[in-house]
C-alpha atoms as a PDB file:
ATOM      1  CA  UNK A   1       9.475-124.890-123.141  1.00  0.00           C
ATOM      2  CA  UNK A   2      11.515-122.361-124.937  1.00  0.00           C
ATOM      3  CA  UNK A   3      10.146-118.832-125.447  1.00  0.00           C
ATOM      4  CA  UNK A   4       7.465-119.154-122.811  1.00  0.00           C
ATOM      5  CA  UNK A   5       7.660-117.227-119.596  1.00  0.00           C
ATOM      6  CA  UNK A   6       7.438-118.912-116.321  1.00  0.00           C
ATOM      7  CA  UNK A   7       4.216-118.263-114.535  1.00  0.00           C
ATOM      8  CA  UNK A   8       5.773-118.047-111.135  1.00  0.00           C
ATOM      9  CA  UNK A   9       8.903-115.968-110.774  1.00  0.00           C
ATOM     10  CA  UNK A  10      11.180-115.993-107.867  1.00  0.00           C
ATOM     11  CA  UNK A  11      11.467-112.846-105.745  1.00  0.00           C
ATOM     12  CA  UNK A  12      15.111-112.451-106.777  1.00  0.00           C
ATOM     13  CA  UNK A  13      14.192-112.425-110.451  1.00  0.00           C
ATOM     14  CA  UNK A  14      11.514-109.797-109.865  1.00  0.00           C
ATOM     15  CA  UNK A  15      13.928-107.670-107.896  1.00  0.00           C
ATOM     16  CA  UNK A  16      16.617-107.863-110.584  1.00  0.00           C
ATOM     17  CA  UNK A  17      14.077-106.980-113.320  1.00  0.00           C
ATOM     18  CA  UNK A  18      12.859-104.010-111.262  1.00  0.00           C
ATOM     19  CA  UNK A  19      16.455-102.806-110.724  1.00  0.00           C
ATOM     20  CA  UNK A  20      17.117-103.120-114.454  1.00  0.00           C
ATOM     21  CA  UNK A  21      14.051-100.995-115.272  1.00  0.00           C
ATOM     22  CA  UNK A  22      15.149 -98.334-112.751  1.00  0.00           C
ATOM     23  CA  UNK A  23      18.659 -98.210-114.278  1.00  0.00           C
ATOM     24  CA  UNK A  24      17.205 -97.843-117.786  1.00  0.00           C
ATOM     25  CA  UNK A  25      14.914 -95.003-116.673  1.00  0.00           C
ATOM     26  CA  UNK A  26      17.776 -93.243-114.853  1.00  0.00           C
ATOM     27  CA  UNK A  27      19.958 -93.486-117.969  1.00  0.00           C
ATOM     28  CA  UNK A  28      17.122 -92.149-120.131  1.00  0.00           C
ATOM     29  CA  UNK A  29      16.451 -89.248-117.719  1.00  0.00           C
ATOM     30  CA  UNK A  30      20.148 -88.326-117.564  1.00  0.00           C
ATOM     31  CA  UNK A  31      20.356 -88.083-121.354  1.00  0.00           C
ATOM     32  CA  UNK A  32      17.388 -85.664-121.627  1.00  0.00           C
ATOM     33  CA  UNK A  33      18.211 -81.920-121.514  1.00  0.00           C
ATOM     34  CA  UNK A  34      17.119 -80.127-118.383  1.00  0.00           C
ATOM     35  CA  UNK A  35      14.633 -77.301-118.913  1.00  0.00           C
ATOM     36  CA  UNK A  36      16.039 -73.818-118.233  1.00  0.00           C
ATOM     37  CA  UNK A  37      13.298 -72.925-115.746  1.00  0.00           C
ATOM     38  CA  UNK A  38      14.085 -75.894-113.539  1.00  0.00           C
ATOM     39  CA  UNK A  39      17.644 -74.799-112.857  1.00  0.00           C
ATOM     40  CA  UNK A  40      18.517 -72.018-110.460  1.00  0.00           C
ATOM     41  CA  UNK A  41      20.698 -70.332-113.060  1.00  0.00           C
ATOM     42  CA  UNK A  42      17.786 -70.184-115.477  1.00  0.00           C
ATOM     43  CA  UNK A  43      15.513 -68.736-112.819  1.00  0.00           C
ATOM     44  CA  UNK A  44      17.903 -65.907-111.982  1.00  0.00           C
ATOM     45  CA  UNK A  45      18.667 -65.286-115.642  1.00  0.00           C
ATOM     46  CA  UNK A  46      14.959 -64.979-116.484  1.00  0.00           C
ATOM     47  CA  UNK A  47      14.356 -62.752-113.487  1.00  0.00           C
ATOM     48  CA  UNK A  48      17.270 -60.505-114.496  1.00  0.00           C
ATOM     49  CA  UNK A  49      16.011 -60.122-118.078  1.00  0.00           C
ATOM     50  CA  UNK A  50      12.522 -59.367-116.815  1.00  0.00           C
ATOM     51  CA  UNK A  51      13.758 -56.655-114.450  1.00  0.00           C
ATOM     52  CA  UNK A  52      15.865 -55.052-117.185  1.00  0.00           C
ATOM     53  CA  UNK A  53      12.833 -54.989-119.511  1.00  0.00           C
ATOM     54  CA  UNK A  54      10.684 -53.363-116.820  1.00  0.00           C
ATOM     55  CA  UNK A  55      13.350 -50.740-116.063  1.00  0.00           C
ATOM     56  CA  UNK A  56      13.739 -49.847-119.748  1.00  0.00           C
ATOM     57  CA  UNK A  57       9.973 -49.509-120.157  1.00  0.00           C
ATOM     58  CA  UNK A  58       9.621 -47.301-117.081  1.00  0.00           C
ATOM     59  CA  UNK A  59      12.558 -45.113-118.166  1.00  0.00           C
ATOM     60  CA  UNK A  60      11.065 -44.703-121.645  1.00  0.00           C
ATOM     61  CA  UNK A  61       7.673 -43.676-120.242  1.00  0.00           C
ATOM     62  CA  UNK A  62       9.126 -41.258-117.677  1.00  0.00           C
ATOM     63  CA  UNK A  63      11.839 -39.607-119.766  1.00  0.00           C
ATOM     64  CA  UNK A  64      10.314 -39.570-123.269  1.00  0.00           C
ATOM     65  CA  UNK A  65       9.418 -35.887-123.763  1.00  0.00           C
ATOM     66  CA  UNK A  66       6.318 -36.022-125.959  1.00  0.00           C
ATOM     67  CA  UNK A  67       6.439 -39.343-127.729  1.00  0.00           C
ATOM     68  CA  UNK A  68       7.561 -39.984-131.264  1.00  0.00           C
ATOM     69  CA  UNK A  69       6.550 -37.668-134.074  1.00  0.00           C
ATOM     70  CA  UNK A  70       3.184 -38.897-135.288  1.00  0.00           C
ATOM     71  CA  UNK A  71       2.136 -36.177-137.710  1.00  0.00           C
ATOM     72  CA  UNK A  72       1.629 -37.523-141.211  1.00  0.00           C
ATOM     73  CA  UNK A  73       3.821 -36.206-143.973  1.00  0.00           C
ATOM     74  CA  UNK A  74       1.875 -33.618-145.913  1.00  0.00           C
ATOM     75  CA  UNK A  75       2.411 -32.896-149.560  1.00  0.00           C
ATOM     76  CA  UNK A  76       1.399 -29.700-151.321  1.00  0.00           C
ATOM     77  CA  UNK A  77      -1.645 -31.559-152.654  1.00  0.00           C
ATOM     78  CA  UNK A  78      -2.902 -32.577-149.234  1.00  0.00           C
ATOM     79  CA  UNK A  79      -2.224 -29.088-147.866  1.00  0.00           C
ATOM     80  CA  UNK A  80      -4.129 -27.577-150.776  1.00  0.00           C
ATOM     81  CA  UNK A  81      -7.112 -29.858-150.117  1.00  0.00           C
ATOM     82  CA  UNK A  82      -6.930 -29.025-146.418  1.00  0.00           C
ATOM     83  CA  UNK A  83      -7.032 -25.281-147.159  1.00  0.00           C
ATOM     84  CA  UNK A  84     -10.023 -25.780-149.441  1.00  0.00           C
ATOM     85  CA  UNK A  85     -11.844 -27.826-146.786  1.00  0.00           C
ATOM     86  CA  UNK A  86     -11.225 -25.136-144.159  1.00  0.00           C
ATOM     87  CA  UNK A  87     -12.454 -22.470-146.608  1.00  0.00           C
ATOM     88  CA  UNK A  88     -15.688 -24.436-147.061  1.00  0.00           C
ATOM     89  CA  UNK A  89     -16.098 -24.570-143.256  1.00  0.00           C
ATOM     90  CA  UNK A  90     -15.611 -20.782-143.078  1.00  0.00           C
ATOM     91  CA  UNK A  91     -18.132 -20.150-145.858  1.00  0.00           C
ATOM     92  CA  UNK A  92     -20.622 -22.448-144.124  1.00  0.00           C
ATOM     93  CA  UNK A  93     -20.115 -20.495-140.888  1.00  0.00           C
ATOM     94  CA  UNK A  94     -20.677 -17.213-142.804  1.00  0.00           C
ATOM     95  CA  UNK A  95     -23.932 -18.565-144.326  1.00  0.00           C
ATOM     96  CA  UNK A  96     -25.232 -19.676-140.919  1.00  0.00           C
ATOM     97  CA  UNK A  97     -24.235 -16.622-138.848  1.00  0.00           C
ATOM     98  CA  UNK A  98     -23.980 -13.803-141.393  1.00  0.00           C
ATOM     99  CA  UNK A  99     -20.380 -13.005-140.408  1.00  0.00           C
ATOM    100  CA  UNK A 100     -16.879 -14.454-140.593  1.00  0.00           C
ATOM    101  CA  UNK A 101     -15.361 -16.239-137.589  1.00  0.00           C
ATOM    102  CA  UNK A 102     -12.674 -14.410-135.635  1.00  0.00           C
ATOM    103  CA  UNK A 103     -10.354 -17.420-135.703  1.00  0.00           C
ATOM    104  CA  UNK A 104     -10.220 -21.053-136.722  1.00  0.00           C
ATOM    105  CA  UNK A 105     -10.679 -22.002-133.077  1.00  0.00           C
ATOM    106  CA  UNK A 106     -14.088 -20.292-133.209  1.00  0.00           C
ATOM    107  CA  UNK A 107     -14.989 -22.966-135.786  1.00  0.00           C
ATOM    108  CA  UNK A 108     -13.722 -25.678-133.468  1.00  0.00           C
ATOM    109  CA  UNK A 109     -10.625 -26.259-135.630  1.00  0.00           C
ATOM    110  CA  UNK A 110      -7.214 -26.614-134.029  1.00  0.00           C
ATOM    111  CA  UNK A 111      -4.874 -26.331-137.020  1.00  0.00           C
ATOM    112  CA  UNK A 112      -1.670 -24.531-135.971  1.00  0.00           C
ATOM    113  CA  UNK A 113      -0.111 -25.072-139.416  1.00  0.00           C
ATOM    114  CA  UNK A 114      -2.795 -22.871-141.052  1.00  0.00           C
ATOM    115  CA  UNK A 115      -2.854 -19.090-140.594  1.00  0.00           C
ATOM    116  CA  UNK A 116      -6.220 -17.343-140.796  1.00  0.00           C
ATOM    117  CA  UNK A 117      -6.521 -13.611-141.474  1.00  0.00           C
ATOM    118  CA  UNK A 118      -9.557 -11.375-141.846  1.00  0.00           C
ATOM    119  CA  UNK A 119      -9.325  -9.007-144.811  1.00  0.00           C
ATOM    120  CA  UNK A 120     -11.417  -5.894-145.606  1.00  0.00           C
ATOM    121  CA  UNK A 121     -14.848  -6.256-147.212  1.00  0.00           C
ATOM    122  CA  UNK A 122     -15.773  -9.513-145.428  1.00  0.00           C
ATOM    123  CA  UNK A 123     -12.924 -11.456-147.060  1.00  0.00           C
ATOM    124  CA  UNK A 124     -10.472 -13.883-145.479  1.00  0.00           C
ATOM    125  CA  UNK A 125      -7.131 -15.473-146.275  1.00  0.00           C
ATOM    126  CA  UNK A 126      -5.771 -18.905-145.357  1.00  0.00           C
ATOM    127  CA  UNK A 127      -2.026 -19.535-145.552  1.00  0.00           C
ATOM    128  CA  UNK A 128       0.191 -22.544-144.874  1.00  0.00           C
ATOM    129  CA  UNK A 129       3.897 -23.115-145.381  1.00  0.00           C
ATOM    130  CA  UNK A 130       5.411 -25.737-147.690  1.00  0.00           C
ATOM    131  CA  UNK A 131       9.137 -25.296-147.159  1.00  0.00           C
ATOM    132  CA  UNK A 132      10.290 -22.212-149.116  1.00  0.00           C
ATOM    133  CA  UNK A 133       6.801 -21.595-150.486  1.00  0.00           C
ATOM    134  CA  UNK A 134       3.438 -20.678-149.048  1.00  0.00           C
ATOM    135  CA  UNK A 135       0.049 -21.843-150.206  1.00  0.00           C
ATOM    136  CA  UNK A 136      -2.442 -18.978-150.016  1.00  0.00           C
ATOM    137  CA  UNK A 137      -6.204 -19.267-150.443  1.00  0.00           C
ATOM    138  CA  UNK A 138      -8.408 -16.177-150.359  1.00  0.00           C
ATOM    139  CA  UNK A 139     -12.166 -16.233-150.124  1.00  0.00           C
ATOM    140  CA  UNK A 140     -13.656 -16.602-153.577  1.00  0.00           C
ATOM    141  CA  UNK A 141     -10.576 -18.394-155.010  1.00  0.00           C
ATOM    142  CA  UNK A 142     -11.202 -21.783-156.574  1.00  0.00           C
ATOM    143  CA  UNK A 143      -7.793 -23.141-155.537  1.00  0.00           C
ATOM    144  CA  UNK A 144      -4.764 -21.980-153.529  1.00  0.00           C
ATOM    145  CA  UNK A 145      -1.919 -20.166-155.224  1.00  0.00           C
ATOM    146  CA  UNK A 146       1.765 -20.646-154.445  1.00  0.00           C
ATOM    147  CA  UNK A 147       3.904 -17.752-153.200  1.00  0.00           C
ATOM    148  CA  UNK A 148       7.690 -17.963-152.881  1.00  0.00           C
ATOM    149  CA  UNK A 149       9.165 -16.474-149.740  1.00  0.00           C
ATOM    150  CA  UNK A 150      11.783 -13.790-150.340  1.00  0.00           C
ATOM    151  CA  UNK A 151      15.350 -15.094-149.836  1.00  0.00           C
ATOM    152  CA  UNK A 152      13.918 -18.585-149.280  1.00  0.00           C
ATOM    153  CA  UNK A 153      12.860 -17.990-145.674  1.00  0.00           C
ATOM    154  CA  UNK A 154       9.313 -17.608-144.328  1.00  0.00           C
ATOM    155  CA  UNK A 155       8.529 -14.050-143.188  1.00  0.00           C
ATOM    156  CA  UNK A 156       7.594 -13.327-139.609  1.00  0.00           C
ATOM    157  CA  UNK A 157       3.839 -13.498-139.384  1.00  0.00           C
ATOM    158  CA  UNK A 158       1.707 -11.164-137.330  1.00  0.00           C
ATOM    159  CA  UNK A 159      -1.579 -12.514-138.649  1.00  0.00           C
ATOM    160  CA  UNK A 160      -4.401 -13.451-136.286  1.00  0.00           C
ATOM    161  CA  UNK A 161      -5.142 -17.170-135.988  1.00  0.00           C
END
């Protein structure tokens, strides 16, 4: 009968069918791209890139002086609010102890951009630089005032911090 398979195949027919399947699989496998990791070139290339990345990272950690600049940009408005907040801390300290602090560090504040000076009659002054101007807040003031530095340069300061 046509179209029907024989139930019993000869060993030669089985062998030829098996060989044909092997050839088809070999042809299919040869046409597929080889993964990069399976080749020796890919292994050494990956290893080389990994070592370069590690060396760059180690060099950056060892030789970077202090890290990138992370201070936020401050505008005159934020500096003004910061002076007012520090003044409130000082007034709170005065209410609790009956005297002014000797420095901002005595309040637990580490603000190198703000100068603190004790004035006569239990008064204080806070000062910070904004380019060619200074923001100055004295005790009792409701907001800082702006002072222009002479000749556009900040004067040398001998104030206590």
